[in-house]
Protein backbone atom coordinates (compact mmCIF):
# COMPACT_ATOMS: atom_id res chain seq x y z
CA UNK A 1 14.36 2.51 85.75
CA UNK A 2 15.35 4.28 82.71
CA UNK A 3 14.21 6.78 81.10
CA UNK A 4 11.66 7.17 78.59
CA UNK A 5 12.43 8.23 75.29
CA UNK A 6 10.49 11.28 73.35
CA UNK A 7 8.99 11.05 70.19
CA UNK A 8 8.25 7.72 68.22
CA UNK A 9 10.63 6.87 65.03
CA UNK A 10 7.27 6.70 62.78
CA UNK A 11 4.36 8.91 64.09
CA UNK A 12 3.91 12.95 62.81
CA UNK A 13 6.19 15.11 64.32
CA UNK A 14 3.51 18.45 63.48
CA UNK A 15 5.09 20.18 61.16
CA UNK A 16 4.39 18.38 57.74
CA UNK A 17 2.01 21.75 57.02
CA UNK A 18 5.18 23.39 55.54
CA UNK A 19 5.88 21.27 52.84
CA UNK A 20 2.23 22.56 51.63
CA UNK A 21 2.85 25.13 52.40
CA UNK A 22 6.43 25.57 50.75
CA UNK A 23 4.93 24.08 47.80
CA UNK A 24 2.43 26.48 47.73
CA UNK A 25 4.15 29.64 47.87
CA UNK A 26 6.59 28.34 45.27
CA UNK A 27 3.38 27.95 42.66
CA UNK A 28 2.45 31.16 43.49
CA UNK A 29 6.09 32.95 43.00
CA UNK A 30 5.71 30.99 39.66
CA UNK A 31 2.64 32.03 38.55
CA UNK A 32 2.77 35.85 39.13
CA UNK A 33 6.70 35.49 37.32
CA UNK A 34 4.40 34.12 34.59
CA UNK A 35 1.81 36.92 34.51
CA UNK A 36 5.33 39.64 34.68
CA UNK A 37 7.05 38.61 31.78
CA UNK A 38 3.95 38.30 29.28
CA UNK A 39 3.45 41.81 30.63
CA UNK A 40 6.72 43.10 29.78
CA UNK A 41 5.90 42.08 26.34
CA UNK A 42 2.90 42.75 25.86
CA UNK A 43 0.30 44.78 28.16
CA UNK A 44 -2.52 44.77 25.91
CA UNK A 45 -2.25 40.81 25.52
CA UNK A 46 -1.90 40.32 28.96
CA UNK A 47 -5.39 42.19 29.38
CA UNK A 48 -6.50 40.56 26.77
CA UNK A 49 -5.27 37.31 28.53
CA UNK A 50 -6.63 38.34 32.07
CA UNK A 51 -10.27 38.56 30.33
CA UNK A 52 -10.21 35.38 28.57
CA UNK A 53 -9.51 33.68 31.33
CA UNK A 54 -12.11 35.31 33.32
CA UNK A 55 -14.49 34.22 31.17
CA UNK A 56 -13.72 30.79 30.73
CA UNK A 57 -13.35 30.46 34.61
CA UNK A 58 -16.83 32.40 34.91
CA UNK A 59 -18.31 29.41 32.20
CA UNK A 60 -18.97 32.30 29.35
CA UNK A 61 -16.26 31.42 26.51
CA UNK A 62 -16.06 27.74 25.10
CA UNK A 63 -13.41 27.80 23.84
CA UNK A 64 -10.95 31.13 24.34
CA UNK A 65 -7.38 31.18 24.66
CA UNK A 66 -7.76 27.20 23.94
CA UNK A 67 -8.30 27.67 20.21
CA UNK A 68 -5.04 27.90 17.94
CA UNK A 69 -5.11 30.19 15.42
CA UNK A 70 -3.50 27.86 12.29
CA UNK A 71 -3.22 31.13 9.94
CA UNK A 72 -0.91 33.40 11.99
CA UNK A 73 0.49 31.06 14.21
CA UNK A 74 -1.38 32.67 17.52
CA UNK A 75 -3.52 31.89 20.86
CA UNK A 76 -6.14 34.12 19.53
CA UNK A 77 -6.89 36.31 22.83
CA UNK A 78 -10.75 38.10 23.34
CA UNK A 79 -11.57 40.25 20.74
CA UNK A 80 -8.83 39.09 17.96
CA UNK A 81 -9.79 38.73 14.36
CA UNK A 82 -7.53 37.88 10.89
CA UNK A 83 -8.54 41.84 9.91
CA UNK A 84 -6.80 42.63 13.67
CA UNK A 85 -3.98 40.19 13.59
CA UNK A 86 -3.30 42.01 9.82
CA UNK A 87 -3.63 45.77 10.98
CA UNK A 88 -4.49 47.12 14.20
CA UNK A 89 -7.28 49.18 14.45
CA UNK A 90 -8.88 50.67 17.00
CA UNK A 91 -13.04 50.58 16.09
CA UNK A 92 -14.51 52.49 19.05
CA UNK A 93 -12.53 55.89 17.58
CA UNK A 94 -11.49 54.83 14.12
CA UNK A 95 -7.78 54.87 12.79
CA UNK A 96 -5.57 58.03 12.49
CA UNK A 97 -2.10 56.21 10.87
CA UNK A 98 -4.97 55.19 8.27
CA UNK A 99 -6.23 58.13 7.91
CA UNK A 100 -2.79 59.29 7.54
CA UNK A 101 -1.98 56.67 5.22
CA UNK A 102 -4.76 57.33 2.88
CA UNK A 103 -3.98 61.15 2.70
CA UNK A 104 -0.54 60.65 2.00
CA UNK A 105 -1.20 58.11 -1.01
CA UNK A 106 -3.50 60.57 -2.44
CA UNK A 107 -0.88 63.85 -2.03
CA UNK A 108 1.77 60.99 -3.45
CA UNK A 109 -0.45 60.15 -6.30
CA UNK A 110 -1.49 63.57 -7.69
CA UNK A 111 -4.89 63.32 -6.77
CA UNK A 112 -6.19 65.82 -5.03
CA UNK A 113 -7.93 67.64 -7.52
CA UNK A 114 -10.52 64.73 -7.77
CA UNK A 115 -10.76 62.98 -4.81
CA UNK A 116 -11.73 64.14 -1.86
CA UNK A 117 -10.57 62.41 1.79
CA UNK A 118 -13.23 62.98 4.44
CA UNK A 119 -14.69 60.46 7.91
CA UNK A 120 -17.32 59.37 9.11
CA UNK A 121 -18.40 57.15 12.47
CA UNK A 122 -18.25 53.93 10.04
CA UNK A 123 -14.95 54.89 8.63
CA UNK A 124 -12.54 56.67 6.32
CA UNK A 125 -14.50 57.40 3.15
CA UNK A 126 -12.76 58.03 -0.51
CA UNK A 127 -14.78 60.67 -2.74
CA UNK A 128 -15.50 61.47 -6.34
CA UNK A 129 -17.10 63.33 -8.03
CA UNK A 130 -19.65 61.30 -10.68
CA UNK A 131 -18.53 63.66 -13.30
CA UNK A 132 -14.69 62.06 -13.12
CA UNK A 133 -16.22 58.82 -13.54
CA UNK A 134 -19.22 58.64 -15.31
CA UNK A 135 -21.03 60.62 -18.07
CA UNK A 136 -24.41 62.24 -17.33
CA UNK A 137 -27.20 59.48 -16.49
CA UNK A 138 -24.65 57.02 -17.25
CA UNK A 139 -23.23 54.10 -15.10
CA UNK A 140 -20.33 53.56 -18.07
CA UNK A 141 -16.77 53.94 -16.00
CA UNK A 142 -14.67 57.16 -18.63
CA UNK A 143 -11.95 55.12 -20.26
CA UNK A 144 -9.12 58.34 -18.78
CA UNK A 145 -11.08 57.70 -15.18
CA UNK A 146 -9.94 54.29 -15.06
CA UNK A 147 -6.36 55.61 -13.74
CA UNK A 148 -7.72 56.64 -10.85
CA UNK A 149 -9.82 54.00 -10.07
CA UNK A 150 -6.74 51.89 -11.00
CA UNK A 151 -4.25 53.60 -8.24
CA UNK A 152 -7.11 53.50 -5.98
CA UNK A 153 -7.43 49.84 -6.07
CA UNK A 154 -3.78 49.54 -5.46
CA UNK A 155 -5.14 51.97 -2.17
CA UNK A 156 -7.06 49.71 -1.07
CA UNK A 157 -5.86 46.44 -2.00
CA UNK A 158 -3.29 47.17 0.94
CA UNK A 159 -6.44 46.62 3.50
CA UNK A 160 -7.66 43.71 4.61
CA UNK A 161 -10.88 45.84 5.71
CA UNK A 162 -13.87 46.04 4.34
CA UNK A 163 -14.97 48.51 1.10
CA UNK A 164 -17.78 49.11 0.81
CA UNK A 165 -18.87 51.46 -2.57
CA UNK A 166 -21.89 53.68 -2.16
CA UNK A 167 -23.11 55.60 -5.31
CA UNK A 168 -25.04 58.84 -4.66
CA UNK A 169 -27.17 61.10 -6.68
CA UNK A 170 -29.16 64.99 -6.51
CA UNK A 171 -32.27 64.87 -6.55
CA UNK A 172 -33.50 65.47 -10.11
CA UNK A 173 -35.30 62.54 -11.45
CA UNK A 174 -33.77 60.82 -13.57
CA UNK A 175 -35.80 58.80 -16.34
CA UNK A 176 -34.36 56.89 -19.01
CA UNK A 177 -33.82 54.06 -21.26
CA UNK A 178 -31.70 52.02 -18.73
CA UNK A 179 -32.76 53.91 -15.46
CA UNK A 180 -36.11 54.94 -14.07
CA UNK A 181 -35.20 56.58 -11.27
CA UNK A 182 -31.81 57.41 -8.84
CA UNK A 183 -32.14 54.57 -7.22
CA UNK A 184 -31.06 52.69 -10.33
CA UNK A 185 -28.67 54.61 -11.14
CA UNK A 186 -26.57 55.07 -7.92
CA UNK A 187 -26.92 51.57 -7.86
CA UNK A 188 -25.29 50.53 -11.03
CA UNK A 189 -22.66 53.25 -10.94
CA UNK A 190 -21.57 51.93 -7.43
CA UNK A 191 -22.22 48.14 -8.89
CA UNK A 192 -19.83 49.78 -11.70
CA UNK A 193 -17.19 50.41 -9.43
CA UNK A 194 -17.19 47.35 -7.87
CA UNK A 195 -16.72 45.10 -10.76
CA UNK A 196 -13.98 46.79 -11.96
CA UNK A 197 -11.98 46.35 -8.99
CA UNK A 198 -13.56 42.76 -8.23
CA UNK A 199 -13.37 41.45 -12.30
CA UNK A 200 -10.38 43.95 -13.14
CA UNK A 201 -8.28 44.60 -10.21
CA UNK A 202 -8.33 40.90 -8.97
CA UNK A 203 -9.75 42.39 -5.11
CA UNK A 204 -11.15 40.07 -2.92
CA UNK A 205 -15.34 40.16 -3.91
CA UNK A 206 -15.61 38.91 -0.27
CA UNK A 207 -14.57 42.16 0.85
CA UNK A 208 -15.86 44.16 -1.14
CA UNK A 209 -20.06 45.49 -1.34
CA UNK A 210 -22.11 48.26 -3.27
CA UNK A 211 -24.71 50.58 -2.32
CA UNK A 212 -27.21 52.61 -4.22
CA UNK A 213 -28.63 55.16 -2.18
CA UNK A 214 -30.55 57.85 -5.02
CA UNK A 215 -30.70 61.04 -3.29
CA UNK A 216 -31.62 59.88 0.20
CA UNK A 217 -28.07 60.84 2.09
CA UNK A 218 -27.33 64.27 0.77
CA UNK A 219 -23.99 66.22 1.64
CA UNK A 220 -25.47 69.51 1.06
CA UNK A 221 -29.19 70.80 0.77
CA UNK A 222 -30.18 70.41 -3.26
CA UNK A 223 -30.81 74.30 -3.48
CA UNK A 224 -28.03 75.14 -6.32
CA UNK A 225 -26.30 73.91 -9.35
CA UNK A 226 -23.21 74.02 -7.23
CA UNK A 227 -24.79 71.44 -4.10
CA UNK A 228 -26.52 69.04 -6.31
CA UNK A 229 -23.12 68.55 -8.00
CA UNK A 230 -21.80 67.88 -4.84
CA UNK A 231 -24.15 65.74 -4.01
CA UNK A 232 -23.68 63.71 -6.55
CA UNK A 233 -21.19 61.20 -6.14
CA UNK A 234 -19.39 57.69 -5.56
CA UNK A 235 -17.65 57.15 -2.26
CA UNK A 236 -15.89 53.87 -1.19
CA UNK A 237 -15.44 53.62 2.01
CA UNK A 238 -12.67 51.94 4.12
CA UNK A 239 -14.81 49.96 7.10
CA UNK A 240 -13.04 50.45 10.30
CA UNK A 241 -15.92 49.96 12.72
CA UNK A 242 -17.66 46.49 13.33
CA UNK A 243 -20.94 46.08 12.20
CA UNK A 244 -21.21 48.55 9.56
CA UNK A 245 -22.72 46.31 6.83
CA UNK A 246 -25.32 43.87 9.42
């Protein structure tokens, strides 16, 4: 009797799973090579990509990485906006490089005698005493001080950040034909600087706002003439923190 041949010509051999396994391993290898290429180019972008992918997979984002930034030609990752695209700023701790840039500009333009640079939780402050810009009880900018504001406008124009102009007074009451209180005086002085920046120097008005605080945010106690003079000031704040004006 002839021996029967083993194995059918069209039946399964039992090794078909190897093809699926091989395809899966190839896809995984491609994926990790892709991740490695991202990390080699920009580690921060990789972190943002991972966070964005997580929000998409968990249903917490609508567009995330799939939106295209037409202005800058980039795919915006989580937490990015137009300001960060232009000048990266650490929103939690401030930007030391910006502080150094401002300080160097003030020194280069010989403004140390009229300008003081400070920093608080909101950003970097360019502080001017009131008598540098205004006569006593007035909100009209002195003609001979406009060159100071012109230089400062050049500086703030070089950053994309929001600018807040703050007027401050001492606690000596004021009541004249123009201003009924220190509220009005401090607000009018801040607005005068804002209008110079916007109307004369053509700074984008959407970036600039004016606040008047009167006597209620002093830097020193109002117990001596010197301290009161320090409290009478105009601050030009370069905002480096999110949510400051909200």
